[in-house]
Every structure is written in C-alpha cells, then in structure tokens.
C-alpha atoms as a PDB file:
ATOM      1  CA  MET A   1     189.633  67.646 127.076  1.00  0.00           C
ATOM      2  CA  ARG A   2     191.414  66.087 124.294  1.00  0.00           C
ATOM      3  CA  ILE A   3     188.131  66.040 121.626  1.00  0.00           C
ATOM      4  CA  SER A   4     187.610  69.543 122.658  1.00  0.00           C
ATOM      5  CA  LYS A   5     190.914  70.505 121.554  1.00  0.00           C
ATOM      6  CA  THR A   6     190.676  68.477 118.377  1.00  0.00           C
ATOM      7  CA  ILE A   7     187.298  70.379 117.395  1.00  0.00           C
ATOM      8  CA  GLN A   8     188.533  73.732 118.086  1.00  0.00           C
ATOM      9  CA  LYS A   9     191.461  73.010 115.907  1.00  0.00           C
ATOM     10  CA  LEU A  10     188.822  71.757 113.042  1.00  0.00           C
ATOM     11  CA  ILE A  11     187.353  75.140 113.535  1.00  0.00           C
ATOM     12  CA  THR A  12     189.842  77.300 113.241  1.00  0.00           C
ATOM     13  CA  ALA A  13     190.927  75.570 110.096  1.00  0.00           C
ATOM     14  CA  LEU A  14     187.459  75.729 108.730  1.00  0.00           C
ATOM     15  CA  VAL A  15     187.391  79.051 109.440  1.00  0.00           C
ATOM     16  CA  VAL A  16     190.644  80.360 107.678  1.00  0.00           C
ATOM     17  CA  VAL A  17     189.771  77.913 104.545  1.00  0.00           C
ATOM     18  CA  PHE A  18     186.581  79.970 104.265  1.00  0.00           C
ATOM     19  CA  ILE A  19     188.282  83.525 104.673  1.00  0.00           C
ATOM     20  CA  THR A  20     190.903  82.510 102.015  1.00  0.00           C
ATOM     21  CA  GLY A  21     188.224  81.682  99.763  1.00  0.00           C
ATOM     22  CA  CYS A  22     186.283  84.600 100.481  1.00  0.00           C
ATOM     23  CA  ALA A  23     189.051  86.733 100.022  1.00  0.00           C
ATOM     24  CA  GLY A  24     190.132  85.009  96.581  1.00  0.00           C
ATOM     25  CA  THR A  25     186.344  85.251  95.242  1.00  0.00           C
ATOM     26  CA  GLY A  26     186.464  89.004  96.226  1.00  0.00           C
ATOM     27  CA  VAL A  27     189.770  89.505  94.190  1.00  0.00           C
ATOM     28  CA  GLY A  28     188.206  87.981  91.092  1.00  0.00           C
ATOM     29  CA  ASP A  29     184.656  89.592  91.323  1.00  0.00           C
ATOM     30  CA  SER A  30     185.692  93.195  91.708  1.00  0.00           C
ATOM     31  CA  SER A  31     183.181  94.627  89.274  1.00  0.00           C
ATOM     32  CA  ALA A  32     180.467  92.998  90.726  1.00  0.00           C
ATOM     33  CA  PHE A  33     181.330  93.875  93.719  1.00  0.00           C
ATOM     34  CA  ALA A  34     181.167  97.667  92.524  1.00  0.00           C
ATOM     35  CA  LYS A  35     177.980  97.143  90.676  1.00  0.00           C
ATOM     36  CA  SER A  36     176.600  96.129  93.873  1.00  0.00           C
ATOM     37  CA  SER A  37     178.133  99.240  95.319  1.00  0.00           C
ATOM     38  CA  GLN A  38     176.620 101.420  93.007  1.00  0.00           C
ATOM     39  CA  LYS A  39     173.027 100.145  93.472  1.00  0.00           C
ATOM     40  CA  SER A  40     173.571 100.068  97.001  1.00  0.00           C
ATOM     41  CA  GLN A  41     174.697 104.206  96.570  1.00  0.00           C
ATOM     42  CA  ALA A  42     171.886 104.600  94.524  1.00  0.00           C
ATOM     43  CA  LEU A  43     169.347 103.311  96.249  1.00  0.00           C
ATOM     44  CA  ALA A  44     170.481 105.315  99.558  1.00  0.00           C
ATOM     45  CA  ALA A  45     170.140 108.658  97.388  1.00  0.00           C
ATOM     46  CA  LEU A  46     166.420 107.539  96.867  1.00  0.00           C
ATOM     47  CA  GLU A  47     165.632 107.799  99.931  1.00  0.00           C
ATOM     48  CA  ARG A  48     167.634 111.226 100.364  1.00  0.00           C
ATOM     49  CA  PRO A  49     165.969 113.915 100.522  1.00  0.00           C
ATOM     50  CA  ASN A  50     167.542 116.768  97.942  1.00  0.00           C
ATOM     51  CA  LEU A  51     168.744 118.911  99.894  1.00  0.00           C
ATOM     52  CA  THR A  52     170.238 121.115  96.632  1.00  0.00           C
ATOM     53  CA  PRO A  53     168.913 124.641  96.501  1.00  0.00           C
ATOM     54  CA  LYS A  54     166.909 125.254  93.416  1.00  0.00           C
ATOM     55  CA  ASN A  55     168.602 127.856  90.968  1.00  0.00           C
ATOM     56  CA  LEU A  56     171.642 126.972  92.125  1.00  0.00           C
ATOM     57  CA  PHE A  57     173.178 128.013  88.690  1.00  0.00           C
ATOM     58  CA  THR A  58     170.586 130.739  87.778  1.00  0.00           C
ATOM     59  CA  PRO A  59     172.363 134.452  88.908  1.00  0.00           C
ATOM     60  CA  ASN A  60     170.251 136.376  91.383  1.00  0.00           C
ATOM     61  CA  ILE A  61     168.981 139.212  89.133  1.00  0.00           C
ATOM     62  CA  PRO A  62     170.125 142.478  90.678  1.00  0.00           C
ATOM     63  CA  LYS A  63     167.646 145.096  92.318  1.00  0.00           C
ATOM     64  CA  ARG A  64     167.593 148.442  90.698  1.00  0.00           C
ATOM     65  CA  GLN A  65     166.987 150.841  92.522  1.00  0.00           C
ATOM     66  CA  ILE A  66     163.993 153.764  91.430  1.00  0.00           C
ATOM     67  CA  LYS A  67     162.892 156.943  92.047  1.00  0.00           C
ATOM     68  CA  SER A  68     159.755 157.539  90.758  1.00  0.00           C
ATOM     69  CA  LEU A  69     156.667 154.979  89.774  1.00  0.00           C
ATOM     70  CA  ALA A  70     153.708 155.023  87.374  1.00  0.00           C
ATOM     71  CA  VAL A  71     150.415 153.053  87.817  1.00  0.00           C
ATOM     72  CA  ALA A  72     147.940 152.670  84.614  1.00  0.00           C
ATOM     73  CA  GLY A  73     145.259 150.990  83.585  1.00  0.00           C
ATOM     74  CA  ASP A  74     141.357 150.233  83.657  1.00  0.00           C
ATOM     75  CA  SER A  75     138.890 150.858  86.563  1.00  0.00           C
ATOM     76  CA  LEU A  76     140.847 147.660  88.074  1.00  0.00           C
ATOM     77  CA  SER A  77     144.091 149.783  88.436  1.00  0.00           C
ATOM     78  CA  ILE A  78     142.701 152.241  90.002  1.00  0.00           C
ATOM     79  CA  GLY A  79     141.754 150.718  93.128  1.00  0.00           C
ATOM     80  CA  LEU A  80     145.592 149.026  92.959  1.00  0.00           C
ATOM     81  CA  ALA A  81     147.070 152.702  92.377  1.00  0.00           C
ATOM     82  CA  SER A  82     145.268 154.097  95.554  1.00  0.00           C
ATOM     83  CA  GLU A  83     146.261 151.478  98.001  1.00  0.00           C
ATOM     84  CA  LEU A  84     149.701 151.581  96.636  1.00  0.00           C
ATOM     85  CA  GLU A  85     149.859 155.014  96.853  1.00  0.00           C
ATOM     86  CA  LYS A  86     149.041 154.755 100.839  1.00  0.00           C
ATOM     87  CA  SER A  87     151.326 151.984 101.335  1.00  0.00           C
ATOM     88  CA  LEU A  88     154.239 154.082  99.271  1.00  0.00           C
ATOM     89  CA  GLY A  89     153.441 157.406 101.278  1.00  0.00           C
ATOM     90  CA  ALA A  90     156.375 156.477 103.667  1.00  0.00           C
ATOM     91  CA  LYS A  91     158.711 156.166 101.399  1.00  0.00           C
ATOM     92  CA  PRO A  92     160.224 159.636 101.462  1.00  0.00           C
ATOM     93  CA  GLY A  93     161.289 160.928  97.484  1.00  0.00           C
ATOM     94  CA  LEU A  94     159.766 158.770  95.783  1.00  0.00           C
ATOM     95  CA  ALA A  95     157.164 160.090  92.689  1.00  0.00           C
ATOM     96  CA  PHE A  96     154.279 158.664  92.553  1.00  0.00           C
ATOM     97  CA  ALA A  97     151.737 158.813  89.319  1.00  0.00           C
ATOM     98  CA  SER A  98     148.581 157.357  88.089  1.00  0.00           C
ATOM     99  CA  LEU A  99     146.609 157.080  85.349  1.00  0.00           C
ATOM    100  CA  GLY A 100     143.241 155.193  85.389  1.00  0.00           C
ATOM    101  CA  LYS A 101     140.277 154.918  82.769  1.00  0.00           C
ATOM    102  CA  VAL A 102     136.999 153.193  83.466  1.00  0.00           C
ATOM    103  CA  SER A 103     136.417 150.431  80.835  1.00  0.00           C
ATOM    104  CA  SER A 104     139.293 151.033  78.637  1.00  0.00           C
ATOM    105  CA  GLY A 105     142.230 148.977  76.841  1.00  0.00           C
ATOM    106  CA  LEU A 106     143.994 148.556  73.678  1.00  0.00           C
ATOM    107  CA  ALA A 107     141.197 146.938  71.792  1.00  0.00           C
ATOM    108  CA  ARG A 108     139.089 150.528  71.918  1.00  0.00           C
ATOM    109  CA  PRO A 109     141.864 153.495  71.173  1.00  0.00           C
ATOM    110  CA  ASP A 110     138.654 155.341  69.467  1.00  0.00           C
ATOM    111  CA  PHE A 111     137.207 154.807  73.003  1.00  0.00           C
ATOM    112  CA  PHE A 112     140.498 155.624  75.134  1.00  0.00           C
ATOM    113  CA  ASP A 113     143.514 155.885  73.153  1.00  0.00           C
ATOM    114  CA  TRP A 114     146.189 154.510  75.771  1.00  0.00           C
ATOM    115  CA  ASP A 115     148.960 154.901  73.138  1.00  0.00           C
ATOM    116  CA  ARG A 116     148.408 158.576  73.312  1.00  0.00           C
ATOM    117  CA  ASN A 117     147.728 158.962  76.999  1.00  0.00           C
ATOM    118  CA  MET A 118     150.499 156.586  78.023  1.00  0.00           C
ATOM    119  CA  ASP A 119     153.231 158.630  76.030  1.00  0.00           C
ATOM    120  CA  SER A 120     151.645 161.525  77.785  1.00  0.00           C
ATOM    121  CA  LEU A 121     152.374 159.955  81.433  1.00  0.00           C
ATOM    122  CA  ALA A 122     155.903 158.816  80.367  1.00  0.00           C
ATOM    123  CA  ARG A 123     156.981 162.496  78.902  1.00  0.00           C
ATOM    124  CA  ARG A 124     155.642 164.447  82.032  1.00  0.00           C
ATOM    125  CA  TYR A 125     157.008 161.734  84.532  1.00  0.00           C
ATOM    126  CA  HIS A 126     159.531 159.610  83.309  1.00  0.00           C
ATOM    127  CA  PRO A 127     158.849 156.566  86.005  1.00  0.00           C
ATOM    128  CA  ASP A 128     161.727 154.228  86.456  1.00  0.00           C
ATOM    129  CA  ALA A 129     158.706 151.304  87.156  1.00  0.00           C
ATOM    130  CA  VAL A 130     154.978 151.333  85.429  1.00  0.00           C
ATOM    131  CA  VAL A 131     152.535 149.077  86.839  1.00  0.00           C
ATOM    132  CA  VAL A 132     150.016 148.701  83.579  1.00  0.00           C
ATOM    133  CA  MET A 133     146.782 146.511  84.638  1.00  0.00           C
ATOM    134  CA  LEU A 134     144.784 146.628  81.083  1.00  0.00           C
ATOM    135  CA  GLY A 135     143.023 143.596  79.148  1.00  0.00           C
ATOM    136  CA  THR A 136     140.115 143.088  81.119  1.00  0.00           C
ATOM    137  CA  ASN A 137     138.065 144.893  78.790  1.00  0.00           C
ATOM    138  CA  ASP A 138     139.589 143.311  75.547  1.00  0.00           C
ATOM    139  CA  ASN A 139     137.373 140.835  74.368  1.00  0.00           C
ATOM    140  CA  LYS A 140     136.277 142.546  71.517  1.00  0.00           C
ATOM    141  CA  PRO A 141     137.309 143.714  68.214  1.00  0.00           C
ATOM    142  CA  LEU A 142     140.456 145.591  67.429  1.00  0.00           C
ATOM    143  CA  ARG A 143     139.663 149.009  65.996  1.00  0.00           C
ATOM    144  CA  PHE A 144     141.879 150.872  63.941  1.00  0.00           C
ATOM    145  CA  ALA A 145     141.980 154.472  62.731  1.00  0.00           C
ATOM    146  CA  ASP A 146     140.929 153.798  59.120  1.00  0.00           C
ATOM    147  CA  GLY A 147     137.493 152.329  60.826  1.00  0.00           C
ATOM    148  CA  SER A 148     138.999 148.891  59.924  1.00  0.00           C
ATOM    149  CA  GLN A 149     138.161 146.203  62.604  1.00  0.00           C
ATOM    150  CA  ILE A 150     139.867 142.890  63.498  1.00  0.00           C
ATOM    151  CA  PRO A 151     137.376 140.360  65.020  1.00  0.00           C
ATOM    152  CA  TYR A 152     138.213 138.811  68.399  1.00  0.00           C
ATOM    153  CA  GLY A 153     139.017 135.026  68.300  1.00  0.00           C
ATOM    154  CA  THR A 154     141.127 135.315  65.169  1.00  0.00           C
ATOM    155  CA  PRO A 155     144.879 134.470  64.775  1.00  0.00           C
ATOM    156  CA  GLU A 156     144.763 137.988  63.097  1.00  0.00           C
ATOM    157  CA  TRP A 157     143.621 139.475  66.325  1.00  0.00           C
ATOM    158  CA  ASP A 158     146.336 137.602  68.579  1.00  0.00           C
ATOM    159  CA  LYS A 159     148.901 139.203  66.566  1.00  0.00           C
ATOM    160  CA  ALA A 160     147.370 142.372  66.493  1.00  0.00           C
ATOM    161  CA  TYR A 161     146.795 142.699  70.191  1.00  0.00           C
ATOM    162  CA  ALA A 162     150.687 141.501  70.573  1.00  0.00           C
ATOM    163  CA  ALA A 163     152.180 143.738  68.907  1.00  0.00           C
ATOM    164  CA  ARG A 164     150.029 146.317  70.910  1.00  0.00           C
ATOM    165  CA  VAL A 165     151.029 145.140  74.112  1.00  0.00           C
ATOM    166  CA  LYS A 166     154.782 145.358  72.890  1.00  0.00           C
ATOM    167  CA  HIS A 167     153.994 149.364  71.700  1.00  0.00           C
ATOM    168  CA  LEU A 168     152.932 150.439  74.711  1.00  0.00           C
ATOM    169  CA  ILE A 169     155.810 148.907  76.377  1.00  0.00           C
ATOM    170  CA  GLU A 170     157.979 150.732  73.483  1.00  0.00           C
ATOM    171  CA  ILE A 171     156.309 154.154  74.359  1.00  0.00           C
ATOM    172  CA  ILE A 172     156.966 153.909  77.690  1.00  0.00           C
ATOM    173  CA  ARG A 173     160.772 153.485  77.113  1.00  0.00           C
ATOM    174  CA  THR A 174     160.747 155.911  74.982  1.00  0.00           C
ATOM    175  CA  HIS A 175     160.887 158.464  77.865  1.00  0.00           C
ATOM    176  CA  ASN A 176     163.030 156.321  80.216  1.00  0.00           C
ATOM    177  CA  ALA A 177     164.698 153.991  78.309  1.00  0.00           C
ATOM    178  CA  THR A 178     165.779 151.509  81.722  1.00  0.00           C
ATOM    179  CA  ALA A 179     162.516 151.239  82.787  1.00  0.00           C
ATOM    180  CA  THR A 180     161.056 148.300  84.382  1.00  0.00           C
ATOM    181  CA  VAL A 181     157.620 147.413  83.293  1.00  0.00           C
ATOM    182  CA  PHE A 182     155.325 144.957  85.415  1.00  0.00           C
ATOM    183  CA  TRP A 183     152.131 143.709  83.803  1.00  0.00           C
ATOM    184  CA  LEU A 184     149.058 142.512  86.039  1.00  0.00           C
ATOM    185  CA  GLY A 185     147.069 139.808  84.634  1.00  0.00           C
ATOM    186  CA  ALA A 186     143.212 140.386  84.819  1.00  0.00           C
ATOM    187  CA  PRO A 187     141.688 138.304  87.574  1.00  0.00           C
ATOM    188  CA  VAL A 188     139.404 135.555  87.776  1.00  0.00           C
ATOM    189  CA  MET A 189     135.550 136.664  87.006  1.00  0.00           C
ATOM    190  CA  ALA A 190     132.370 135.349  88.317  1.00  0.00           C
ATOM    191  CA  ASP A 191     131.525 134.834  84.438  1.00  0.00           C
ATOM    192  CA  GLU A 192     132.903 131.753  82.971  1.00  0.00           C
ATOM    193  CA  ASP A 193     132.324 132.836  79.295  1.00  0.00           C
ATOM    194  CA  LEU A 194     134.538 136.039  80.360  1.00  0.00           C
ATOM    195  CA  ASN A 195     137.505 134.189  82.091  1.00  0.00           C
ATOM    196  CA  HIS A 196     137.980 132.078  78.597  1.00  0.00           C
ATOM    197  CA  ASP A 197     138.549 135.214  76.843  1.00  0.00           C
ATOM    198  CA  LEU A 198     140.591 136.766  79.612  1.00  0.00           C
ATOM    199  CA  LYS A 199     142.637 133.262  79.739  1.00  0.00           C
ATOM    200  CA  HIS A 200     143.498 133.663  76.401  1.00  0.00           C
ATOM    201  CA  ILE A 201     144.175 137.537  76.710  1.00  0.00           C
ATOM    202  CA  ASN A 202     146.385 137.195  79.690  1.00  0.00           C
ATOM    203  CA  ALA A 203     148.718 134.284  78.044  1.00  0.00           C
ATOM    204  CA  LEU A 204     149.371 136.683  75.027  1.00  0.00           C
ATOM    205  CA  ILE A 205     150.740 139.600  77.255  1.00  0.00           C
ATOM    206  CA  ARG A 206     152.662 136.792  79.467  1.00  0.00           C
ATOM    207  CA  LYS A 207     154.365 135.741  76.341  1.00  0.00           C
ATOM    208  CA  VAL A 208     154.926 139.276  75.156  1.00  0.00           C
ATOM    209  CA  MET A 209     156.447 140.169  78.809  1.00  0.00           C
ATOM    210  CA  GLU A 210     158.324 137.311  78.965  1.00  0.00           C
ATOM    211  CA  SER A 211     160.138 137.707  75.803  1.00  0.00           C
ATOM    212  CA  SER A 212     161.027 141.759  76.685  1.00  0.00           C
ATOM    213  CA  LYS A 213     163.911 142.644  78.618  1.00  0.00           C
ATOM    214  CA  ASP A 214     163.261 144.003  82.273  1.00  0.00           C
ATOM    215  CA  CYS A 215     159.342 143.025  81.756  1.00  0.00           C
ATOM    216  CA  LEU A 216     157.626 140.872  84.099  1.00  0.00           C
ATOM    217  CA  TYR A 217     154.289 139.596  84.110  1.00  0.00           C
ATOM    218  CA  VAL A 218     152.116 139.127  87.175  1.00  0.00           C
ATOM    219  CA  ASP A 219     149.663 136.617  87.662  1.00  0.00           C
ATOM    220  CA  THR A 220     146.561 137.954  89.754  1.00  0.00           C
ATOM    221  CA  TRP A 221     144.274 134.584  89.002  1.00  0.00           C
ATOM    222  CA  PRO A 222     145.217 132.342  91.880  1.00  0.00           C
ATOM    223  CA  LEU A 223     144.902 135.415  94.467  1.00  0.00           C
ATOM    224  CA  PHE A 224     141.094 135.847  93.827  1.00  0.00           C
ATOM    225  CA  SER A 225     140.217 132.136  92.803  1.00  0.00           C
ATOM    226  CA  ASP A 226     138.996 129.166  94.572  1.00  0.00           C
ATOM    227  CA  SER A 227     141.245 125.642  94.875  1.00  0.00           C
ATOM    228  CA  ARG A 228     139.935 124.852  91.681  1.00  0.00           C
ATOM    229  CA  GLY A 229     140.681 128.058  89.978  1.00  0.00           C
ATOM    230  CA  GLY A 230     137.021 129.391  89.783  1.00  0.00           C
ATOM    231  CA  PHE A 231     136.205 132.664  91.117  1.00  0.00           C
ATOM    232  CA  ALA A 232     135.804 133.449  94.621  1.00  0.00           C
ATOM    233  CA  SER A 233     134.171 136.561  96.033  1.00  0.00           C
ATOM    234  CA  SER A 234     136.365 136.065  99.514  1.00  0.00           C
ATOM    235  CA  LYS A 235     139.081 134.000 100.535  1.00  0.00           C
ATOM    236  CA  PRO A 236     139.563 132.878 104.740  1.00  0.00           C
ATOM    237  CA  ASP A 237     143.721 133.642 104.386  1.00  0.00           C
ATOM    238  CA  LEU A 238     143.121 136.891 102.623  1.00  0.00           C
ATOM    239  CA  ALA A 239     141.949 140.283 104.093  1.00  0.00           C
ATOM    240  CA  GLY A 240     140.152 138.130 107.306  1.00  0.00           C
ATOM    241  CA  GLY A 241     137.802 136.724 105.150  1.00  0.00           C
ATOM    242  CA  ALA A 242     136.115 139.986 103.677  1.00  0.00           C
ATOM    243  CA  LEU A 243     134.986 140.353 100.895  1.00  0.00           C
ATOM    244  CA  LEU A 244     137.017 140.617  97.833  1.00  0.00           C
ATOM    245  CA  ARG A 245     134.819 141.324  94.836  1.00  0.00           C
ATOM    246  CA  ALA A 246     131.677 143.273  94.325  1.00  0.00           C
ATOM    247  CA  ARG A 247     128.299 141.809  93.278  1.00  0.00           C
ATOM    248  CA  ASP A 248     129.032 142.580  89.594  1.00  0.00           C
ATOM    249  CA  GLY A 249     131.472 139.762  90.033  1.00  0.00           C
ATOM    250  CA  VAL A 250     133.753 142.059  88.448  1.00  0.00           C
ATOM    251  CA  HIS A 251     135.206 145.041  90.327  1.00  0.00           C
ATOM    252  CA  LEU A 252     137.257 144.594  93.508  1.00  0.00           C
ATOM    253  CA  THR A 253     135.912 145.732  96.810  1.00  0.00           C
ATOM    254  CA  THR A 254     138.481 147.742  99.424  1.00  0.00           C
ATOM    255  CA  ALA A 255     139.525 144.887 100.687  1.00  0.00           C
ATOM    256  CA  GLY A 256     140.374 143.673  97.205  1.00  0.00           C
ATOM    257  CA  ALA A 257     142.527 146.275  96.284  1.00  0.00           C
ATOM    258  CA  GLN A 258     144.409 146.383  99.304  1.00  0.00           C
ATOM    259  CA  THR A 259     145.084 142.881  98.493  1.00  0.00           C
ATOM    260  CA  LEU A 260     145.920 143.372  94.847  1.00  0.00           C
ATOM    261  CA  ALA A 261     148.405 146.283  96.502  1.00  0.00           C
ATOM    262  CA  GLY A 262     149.661 144.048  98.586  1.00  0.00           C
ATOM    263  CA  HIS A 263     150.707 141.387  96.375  1.00  0.00           C
ATOM    264  CA  CYS A 264     151.844 144.054  93.701  1.00  0.00           C
ATOM    265  CA  GLN A 265     153.879 145.486  96.226  1.00  0.00           C
ATOM    266  CA  ALA A 266     155.489 141.931  97.122  1.00  0.00           C
ATOM    267  CA  VAL A 267     156.237 141.584  93.102  1.00  0.00           C
ATOM    268  CA  LEU A 268     157.893 145.226  93.432  1.00  0.00           C
ATOM    269  CA  GLU A 269     159.995 144.459  95.781  1.00  0.00           C
ATOM    270  CA  SER A 270     161.293 140.875  94.128  1.00  0.00           C
ATOM    271  CA  ARG A 271     162.750 142.892  91.671  1.00  0.00           C
ATOM    272  CA  ILE A 272     163.354 146.613  92.752  1.00  0.00           C
ATOM    273  CA  THR A 273     164.479 148.991  95.575  1.00  0.00           C
ATOM    274  CA  TRP A 274     163.541 152.184  96.790  1.00  0.00           C
ATOM    275  CA  ALA A 275     166.165 154.585  96.277  1.00  0.00           C
ATOM    276  CA  THR A 276     167.444 157.105  99.211  1.00  0.00           C
ATOM    277  CA  PRO A 277     166.292 160.393  98.641  1.00  0.00           C
ATOM    278  CA  ALA A 278     168.980 162.850  98.278  1.00  0.00           C
ATOM    279  CA  SER A 279     168.473 165.761 100.657  1.00  0.00           C
ATOM    280  CA  GLY A 280     165.685 168.138  99.897  1.00  0.00           C
ATOM    281  CA  ALA A 281     164.389 165.645  97.377  1.00  0.00           C
ATOM    282  CA  VAL A 282     160.174 166.068  96.776  1.00  0.00           C
ATOM    283  CA  PRO A 283     157.724 163.642  98.530  1.00  0.00           C
ATOM    284  CA  LEU A 284     155.262 161.981  97.096  1.00  0.00           C
ATOM    285  CA  ALA A 285     154.362 163.132  93.650  1.00  0.00           C
ATOM    286  CA  GLU A 286     150.877 164.101  92.770  1.00  0.00           C
ATOM    287  CA  SER A 287     148.570 161.215  91.409  1.00  0.00           C
ATOM    288  CA  GLY A 288     145.391 160.952  89.381  1.00  0.00           C
ATOM    289  CA  VAL A 289     147.309 162.218  85.930  1.00  0.00           C
END
C-alpha cells in the first residue's frame, strides 16, 4: 500500500510538471501555434467544396419586355423563323416578321443587299428584338458598289467584314434605338475547308457583338457537333436521335430547324420577356417579308 501511494504521488507530480512545461512552451511559441493553425485551416479549405455562388458580384442583366420580333438571314434562318413562328404563335400580341434569302450574306451586296433589305424590314416593323443568322455564305471576296473587291483571308477583309456586321446593327437601331440583337453563328458543316472558314467568320462576328451594347452572339457549333467538335448528322440526345442535317452537310432538316429554334428561344428568354398584350392587341403579324 505504501509503495502504491508513493507511486501515485510521483505520477501526479510528473503530470503537473508536464502540464506546466507545456503551458510555458505555448506562451513562448504563440506564433508557431498560429502558423500551425493557419496551415490546418488552409488544408481544410482545400478539402471543402467551394459553395460560393458563381458571379456573386456580377449584377444580373434585367430582362426586357418586347412586343415585336424579327428573324433575318440566309437559308438556315428560314427554317429557324418558321419554327419560331410556330412556337411563339401562342404569345398573343407578339408581332413577328421574317426575311430569309437563300445563298445570301454580307459579302455579295450585288446579289442581295442586306443593308437595304434590313432597313426596309426595320422601318416597317420597328422590332424590339432581331435574330440574325448570316455568315455561312461569306467566305468569298467582299464586293463593293464601285466594282472593287477585297480578297478573303486578308486583314483588310477582316476589318471590312466586321464593319459590315456593325453597320447592319446600326441599321436595325436606326428604327428602334433600343432593339436587342441576337446573332446566331454558323453551325458546324460536313466540309472541313468550309468549317475552317466559318470558325474565322464566327469569331469576327462574335467580337463585334461582344463589343456592342445589347447584342448577344449565339454559338450554334456545339448544338450540331460531336464530342470532338466535328460534324454530326444526328445526336442521340437531340430530337430523339432524328436526322438533323440534310444530305448536303449544310442545311437543316425539320428536326434540325426545330432543335435550332428551341435553342434560340431559350437564349432569347434568358434576356427578354414577352410583353402582356394590351386589350385589343393585334395577334401574330405576317411573316415572310
């Protein structure tokens, strides 16, 4: 019993000395403890998922109410306009107009003058929003009224083409200064050489749109491409795997046009809302200007 009590006293004394020593060390090494704590917190942060919402400090762009919409462009825009008209026909009071010209673009105003025709469309309808789809036919020399040309693939061509894109936007806003413009880029094509040119043209259009107020470039490339960005005539996740592209590897089937229109409408509704019609408002306006 005496030996046991002695051992207990000895153990108690050692514990007291140990605790006192640790306490003293803690006071002297507070900075070391702080660094260790910071390191632990940093490691813990790496293991935790980042739950901070994206774009936390980016103000949301307010949606704008519109009463009129116009769709204009080359042959790819014709099916787009037709399908949009069907889906938007349920929006009472929305005025809708479309202008499509096969094989047209901004490079050949001698074939179809988009400046003049867009001016006519905008003057007639004063659209609140305009969807443009041009560019697929523009990988060629730019022609001018005096007969001069600028060859494709030159810096001069890039500068002049960007100016034409910007000018078309200015024409739209001559008749409605607050019009919102959506420009759909050309989709992937079956021909690789054409794809090379369209990627360049799309990039030029995107740059102009991104530098212009209330303008949005709409990328359609992923919509019709495979996992590697190449041409896909159909996709299992779109239109139930139905054929999306025509045999020429350029144009859209009905299912393809419906897919494009659905994508376009989703983008539109991310920026605009359809105004509630006033009493006695005129329903869907005529299309095919």
